[in-house]
Amino acid sequence: MRGILLQQPGVIDAGARWREGSGWVIYDPKQATADELAAALSPYYPAQVLEDQPYVSSQ
């Protein structure tokens, strides 16, 4: 899963919890949407967006 996501435009990092069947993605919303990233995974894994929260840097 991580490898597929890291190939997508705008993806900075990604990870998965195989036993839980969940994962996370850090991405640039100017280059991709959460739904587009889920669609990129859907040929390989059942994927849907459950939560999409913006990250605000403290810098």
PDB file of N, CA and C in Angstrom:
ATOM      1  N   MET A   1       0.821  -1.185   0.000  1.00  0.00           N
ATOM      2  CA  MET A   1       0.000   0.000   0.000  1.00  0.00           C
ATOM      3  C   MET A   1       0.867   1.251   0.000  1.00  0.00           C
ATOM      4  N   ARG A   2       1.864   1.295   0.870  1.00  0.00           N
ATOM      5  CA  ARG A   2       2.708   2.483   0.981  1.00  0.00           C
ATOM      6  C   ARG A   2       3.375   2.802  -0.352  1.00  0.00           C
ATOM      7  N   GLY A   3       3.896   1.775  -1.015  1.00  0.00           N
ATOM      8  CA  GLY A   3       4.569   1.980  -2.295  1.00  0.00           C
ATOM      9  C   GLY A   3       3.648   2.568  -3.351  1.00  0.00           C
ATOM     10  N   ILE A   4       2.412   2.105  -3.392  1.00  0.00           N
ATOM     11  CA  ILE A   4       1.442   2.626  -4.358  1.00  0.00           C
ATOM     12  C   ILE A   4       1.165   4.092  -4.074  1.00  0.00           C
ATOM     13  N   LEU A   5       0.953   4.426  -2.811  1.00  0.00           N
ATOM     14  CA  LEU A   5       0.642   5.813  -2.458  1.00  0.00           C
ATOM     15  C   LEU A   5       1.821   6.743  -2.699  1.00  0.00           C
ATOM     16  N   LEU A   6       3.037   6.289  -2.393  1.00  0.00           N
ATOM     17  CA  LEU A   6       4.203   7.160  -2.573  1.00  0.00           C
ATOM     18  C   LEU A   6       4.454   7.498  -4.038  1.00  0.00           C
ATOM     19  N   GLN A   7       3.888   6.739  -4.953  1.00  0.00           N
ATOM     20  CA  GLN A   7       4.014   7.030  -6.381  1.00  0.00           C
ATOM     21  C   GLN A   7       3.010   8.077  -6.855  1.00  0.00           C
ATOM     22  N   GLN A   8       2.037   8.406  -6.029  1.00  0.00           N
ATOM     23  CA  GLN A   8       0.992   9.356  -6.418  1.00  0.00           C
ATOM     24  C   GLN A   8       1.475  10.795  -6.245  1.00  0.00           C
ATOM     25  N   PRO A   9       1.062  11.704  -7.141  1.00  0.00           N
ATOM     26  CA  PRO A   9       1.455  13.112  -7.018  1.00  0.00           C
ATOM     27  C   PRO A   9       0.994  13.705  -5.691  1.00  0.00           C
ATOM     28  N   GLY A  10       1.865  14.445  -5.057  1.00  0.00           N
ATOM     29  CA  GLY A  10       1.517  15.157  -3.836  1.00  0.00           C
ATOM     30  C   GLY A  10       1.669  14.368  -2.552  1.00  0.00           C
ATOM     31  N   VAL A  11       1.947  13.070  -2.625  1.00  0.00           N
ATOM     32  CA  VAL A  11       2.078  12.257  -1.409  1.00  0.00           C
ATOM     33  C   VAL A  11       3.463  12.450  -0.806  1.00  0.00           C
ATOM     34  N   ILE A  12       3.481  12.790   0.471  1.00  0.00           N
ATOM     35  CA  ILE A  12       4.725  13.034   1.198  1.00  0.00           C
ATOM     36  C   ILE A  12       5.141  11.785   1.969  1.00  0.00           C
ATOM     37  N   ASP A  13       4.198  11.122   2.624  1.00  0.00           N
ATOM     38  CA  ASP A  13       4.478   9.901   3.377  1.00  0.00           C
ATOM     39  C   ASP A  13       3.183   9.115   3.543  1.00  0.00           C
ATOM     40  N   ALA A  14       3.314   7.833   3.827  1.00  0.00           N
ATOM     41  CA  ALA A  14       2.148   6.972   4.012  1.00  0.00           C
ATOM     42  C   ALA A  14       2.538   5.785   4.878  1.00  0.00           C
ATOM     43  N   GLY A  15       1.543   5.187   5.489  1.00  0.00           N
ATOM     44  CA  GLY A  15       1.785   4.007   6.315  1.00  0.00           C
ATOM     45  C   GLY A  15       0.517   3.186   6.433  1.00  0.00           C
ATOM     46  N   ALA A  16       0.668   1.962   6.966  1.00  0.00           N
ATOM     47  CA  ALA A  16      -0.487   1.073   7.095  1.00  0.00           C
ATOM     48  C   ALA A  16      -0.380   0.249   8.360  1.00  0.00           C
ATOM     49  N   ARG A  17      -1.528  -0.121   8.866  1.00  0.00           N
ATOM     50  CA  ARG A  17      -1.643  -1.068   9.978  1.00  0.00           C
ATOM     51  C   ARG A  17      -2.393  -2.272   9.417  1.00  0.00           C
ATOM     52  N   TRP A  18      -1.643  -3.272   8.992  1.00  0.00           N
ATOM     53  CA  TRP A  18      -2.232  -4.409   8.284  1.00  0.00           C
ATOM     54  C   TRP A  18      -3.266  -5.149   9.115  1.00  0.00           C
ATOM     55  N   ARG A  19      -2.975  -5.386  10.376  1.00  0.00           N
ATOM     56  CA  ARG A  19      -3.916  -6.144  11.219  1.00  0.00           C
ATOM     57  C   ARG A  19      -5.225  -5.406  11.421  1.00  0.00           C
ATOM     58  N   GLU A  20      -5.151  -4.094  11.492  1.00  0.00           N
ATOM     59  CA  GLU A  20      -6.358  -3.281  11.676  1.00  0.00           C
ATOM     60  C   GLU A  20      -7.044  -2.973  10.351  1.00  0.00           C
ATOM     61  N   GLY A  21      -6.336  -3.161   9.252  1.00  0.00           N
ATOM     62  CA  GLY A  21      -6.896  -2.835   7.948  1.00  0.00           C
ATOM     63  C   GLY A  21      -7.055  -1.345   7.731  1.00  0.00           C
ATOM     64  N   SER A  22      -6.110  -0.569   8.290  1.00  0.00           N
ATOM     65  CA  SER A  22      -6.199   0.886   8.141  1.00  0.00           C
ATOM     66  C   SER A  22      -4.845   1.451   7.737  1.00  0.00           C
ATOM     67  N   GLY A  23      -4.862   2.679   7.314  1.00  0.00           N
ATOM     68  CA  GLY A  23      -3.629   3.351   6.922  1.00  0.00           C
ATOM     69  C   GLY A  23      -3.783   4.852   7.002  1.00  0.00           C
ATOM     70  N   TRP A  24      -2.698   5.554   6.714  1.00  0.00           N
ATOM     71  CA  TRP A  24      -2.708   7.009   6.759  1.00  0.00           C
ATOM     72  C   TRP A  24      -1.830   7.540   5.630  1.00  0.00           C
ATOM     73  N   VAL A  25      -2.100   8.777   5.239  1.00  0.00           N
ATOM     74  CA  VAL A  25      -1.338   9.424   4.170  1.00  0.00           C
ATOM     75  C   VAL A  25      -1.152  10.889   4.523  1.00  0.00           C
ATOM     76  N   ILE A  26       0.056  11.379   4.336  1.00  0.00           N
ATOM     77  CA  ILE A  26       0.323  12.819   4.420  1.00  0.00           C
ATOM     78  C   ILE A  26       0.507  13.279   2.979  1.00  0.00           C
ATOM     79  N   TYR A  27      -0.305  14.241   2.561  1.00  0.00           N
ATOM     80  CA  TYR A  27      -0.262  14.674   1.165  1.00  0.00           C
ATOM     81  C   TYR A  27      -0.482  16.175   1.053  1.00  0.00           C
ATOM     82  N   ASP A  28      -0.103  16.712  -0.105  1.00  0.00           N
ATOM     83  CA  ASP A  28      -0.295  18.126  -0.413  1.00  0.00           C
ATOM     84  C   ASP A  28      -1.663  18.281  -1.076  1.00  0.00           C
ATOM     85  N   PRO A  29      -2.621  18.936  -0.416  1.00  0.00           N
ATOM     86  CA  PRO A  29      -3.965  19.052  -0.986  1.00  0.00           C
ATOM     87  C   PRO A  29      -4.022  19.896  -2.262  1.00  0.00           C
ATOM     88  N   LYS A  30      -2.939  20.594  -2.580  1.00  0.00           N
ATOM     89  CA  LYS A  30      -2.893  21.343  -3.838  1.00  0.00           C
ATOM     90  C   LYS A  30      -2.621  20.410  -5.019  1.00  0.00           C
ATOM     91  N   GLN A  31      -2.126  19.203  -4.735  1.00  0.00           N
ATOM     92  CA  GLN A  31      -1.766  18.269  -5.802  1.00  0.00           C
ATOM     93  C   GLN A  31      -2.671  17.041  -5.882  1.00  0.00           C
ATOM     94  N   ALA A  32      -3.393  16.743  -4.804  1.00  0.00           N
ATOM     95  CA  ALA A  32      -4.254  15.552  -4.790  1.00  0.00           C
ATOM     96  C   ALA A  32      -5.353  15.731  -3.751  1.00  0.00           C
ATOM     97  N   THR A  33      -6.407  14.954  -3.914  1.00  0.00           N
ATOM     98  CA  THR A  33      -7.468  14.932  -2.900  1.00  0.00           C
ATOM     99  C   THR A  33      -7.462  13.563  -2.223  1.00  0.00           C
ATOM    100  N   ALA A  34      -8.072  13.480  -1.068  1.00  0.00           N
ATOM    101  CA  ALA A  34      -8.155  12.205  -0.352  1.00  0.00           C
ATOM    102  C   ALA A  34      -8.895  11.162  -1.190  1.00  0.00           C
ATOM    103  N   ASP A  35      -9.938  11.574  -1.889  1.00  0.00           N
ATOM    104  CA  ASP A  35     -10.695  10.636  -2.716  1.00  0.00           C
ATOM    105  C   ASP A  35      -9.868  10.128  -3.896  1.00  0.00           C
ATOM    106  N   GLU A  36      -9.025  10.977  -4.478  1.00  0.00           N
ATOM    107  CA  GLU A  36      -8.150  10.537  -5.569  1.00  0.00           C
ATOM    108  C   GLU A  36      -7.147   9.496  -5.077  1.00  0.00           C
ATOM    109  N   LEU A  37      -6.629   9.695  -3.875  1.00  0.00           N
ATOM    110  CA  LEU A  37      -5.675   8.736  -3.323  1.00  0.00           C
ATOM    111  C   LEU A  37      -6.355   7.409  -3.003  1.00  0.00           C
ATOM    112  N   ALA A  38      -7.570   7.456  -2.485  1.00  0.00           N
ATOM    113  CA  ALA A  38      -8.324   6.222  -2.236  1.00  0.00           C
ATOM    114  C   ALA A  38      -8.603   5.500  -3.554  1.00  0.00           C
ATOM    115  N   ALA A  39      -8.908   6.249  -4.596  1.00  0.00           N
ATOM    116  CA  ALA A  39      -9.163   5.649  -5.907  1.00  0.00           C
ATOM    117  C   ALA A  39      -7.911   4.974  -6.463  1.00  0.00           C
ATOM    118  N   ALA A  40      -6.736   5.534  -6.193  1.00  0.00           N
ATOM    119  CA  ALA A  40      -5.487   4.926  -6.653  1.00  0.00           C
ATOM    120  C   ALA A  40      -5.257   3.570  -5.984  1.00  0.00           C
ATOM    121  N   LEU A  41      -5.736   3.410  -4.766  1.00  0.00           N
ATOM    122  CA  LEU A  41      -5.588   2.145  -4.041  1.00  0.00           C
ATOM    123  C   LEU A  41      -6.652   1.118  -4.401  1.00  0.00           C
ATOM    124  N   SER A  42      -7.811   1.569  -4.841  1.00  0.00           N
ATOM    125  CA  SER A  42      -8.965   0.679  -4.982  1.00  0.00           C
ATOM    126  C   SER A  42      -8.752  -0.521  -5.913  1.00  0.00           C
ATOM    127  N   PRO A  43      -7.885  -0.465  -6.940  1.00  0.00           N
ATOM    128  CA  PRO A  43      -7.673  -1.694  -7.716  1.00  0.00           C
ATOM    129  C   PRO A  43      -6.981  -2.803  -6.911  1.00  0.00           C
ATOM    130  N   TYR A  44      -6.314  -2.436  -5.837  1.00  0.00           N
ATOM    131  CA  TYR A  44      -5.521  -3.390  -5.060  1.00  0.00           C
ATOM    132  C   TYR A  44      -6.102  -3.690  -3.677  1.00  0.00           C
ATOM    133  N   TYR A  45      -6.706  -2.690  -3.066  1.00  0.00           N
ATOM    134  CA  TYR A  45      -7.232  -2.808  -1.700  1.00  0.00           C
ATOM    135  C   TYR A  45      -8.583  -2.112  -1.623  1.00  0.00           C
ATOM    136  N   PRO A  46      -9.505  -2.604  -0.790  1.00  0.00           N
ATOM    137  CA  PRO A  46     -10.724  -1.824  -0.570  1.00  0.00           C
ATOM    138  C   PRO A  46     -10.332  -0.527   0.138  1.00  0.00           C
ATOM    139  N   ALA A  47     -10.679   0.593  -0.432  1.00  0.00           N
ATOM    140  CA  ALA A  47     -10.229   1.871   0.129  1.00  0.00           C
ATOM    141  C   ALA A  47     -11.374   2.864   0.188  1.00  0.00           C
ATOM    142  N   GLN A  48     -11.453   3.560   1.307  1.00  0.00           N
ATOM    143  CA  GLN A  48     -12.394   4.661   1.450  1.00  0.00           C
ATOM    144  C   GLN A  48     -11.813   5.645   2.453  1.00  0.00           C
ATOM    145  N   VAL A  49     -12.200   6.891   2.310  1.00  0.00           N
ATOM    146  CA  VAL A  49     -11.730   7.938   3.208  1.00  0.00           C
ATOM    147  C   VAL A  49     -12.667   7.987   4.409  1.00  0.00           C
ATOM    148  N   LEU A  50     -12.116   7.747   5.583  1.00  0.00           N
ATOM    149  CA  LEU A  50     -12.919   7.818   6.802  1.00  0.00           C
ATOM    150  C   LEU A  50     -12.762   9.158   7.498  1.00  0.00           C
ATOM    151  N   GLU A  51     -11.592   9.755   7.355  1.00  0.00           N
ATOM    152  CA  GLU A  51     -11.315  11.024   8.028  1.00  0.00           C
ATOM    153  C   GLU A  51     -10.265  11.774   7.220  1.00  0.00           C
ATOM    154  N   ASP A  52     -10.464  13.051   7.016  1.00  0.00           N
ATOM    155  CA  ASP A  52      -9.505  13.888   6.296  1.00  0.00           C
ATOM    156  C   ASP A  52      -9.314  15.161   7.103  1.00  0.00           C
ATOM    157  N   GLN A  53      -8.172  15.267   7.769  1.00  0.00           N
ATOM    158  CA  GLN A  53      -7.898  16.423   8.617  1.00  0.00           C
ATOM    159  C   GLN A  53      -6.677  17.163   8.106  1.00  0.00           C
ATOM    160  N   PRO A  54      -6.749  18.475   8.024  1.00  0.00           N
ATOM    161  CA  PRO A  54      -5.570  19.235   7.618  1.00  0.00           C
ATOM    162  C   PRO A  54      -4.513  19.224   8.718  1.00  0.00           C
ATOM    163  N   TYR A  55      -3.284  19.184   8.307  1.00  0.00           N
ATOM    164  CA  TYR A  55      -2.159  19.271   9.243  1.00  0.00           C
ATOM    165  C   TYR A  55      -1.684  20.711   9.252  1.00  0.00           C
ATOM    166  N   VAL A  56      -1.569  21.284  10.410  1.00  0.00           N
ATOM    167  CA  VAL A  56      -1.095  22.661  10.535  1.00  0.00           C
ATOM    168  C   VAL A  56       0.251  22.628  11.231  1.00  0.00           C
ATOM    169  N   SER A  57       1.267  23.077  10.525  1.00  0.00           N
ATOM    170  CA  SER A  57       2.616  23.088  11.088  1.00  0.00           C
ATOM    171  C   SER A  57       2.712  24.122  12.194  1.00  0.00           C
ATOM    172  N   SER A  58       3.486  23.809  13.211  1.00  0.00           N
ATOM    173  CA  SER A  58       3.656  24.748  14.326  1.00  0.00           C
ATOM    174  C   SER A  58       4.747  25.772  14.046  1.00  0.00           C
ATOM    175  N   GLN A  59       5.362  25.698  12.886  1.00  0.00           N
ATOM    176  CA  GLN A  59       6.444  26.636  12.554  1.00  0.00           C
ATOM    177  C   GLN A  59       5.913  27.922  12.003  1.00  0.00           C
TER     178      GLN A  59
END
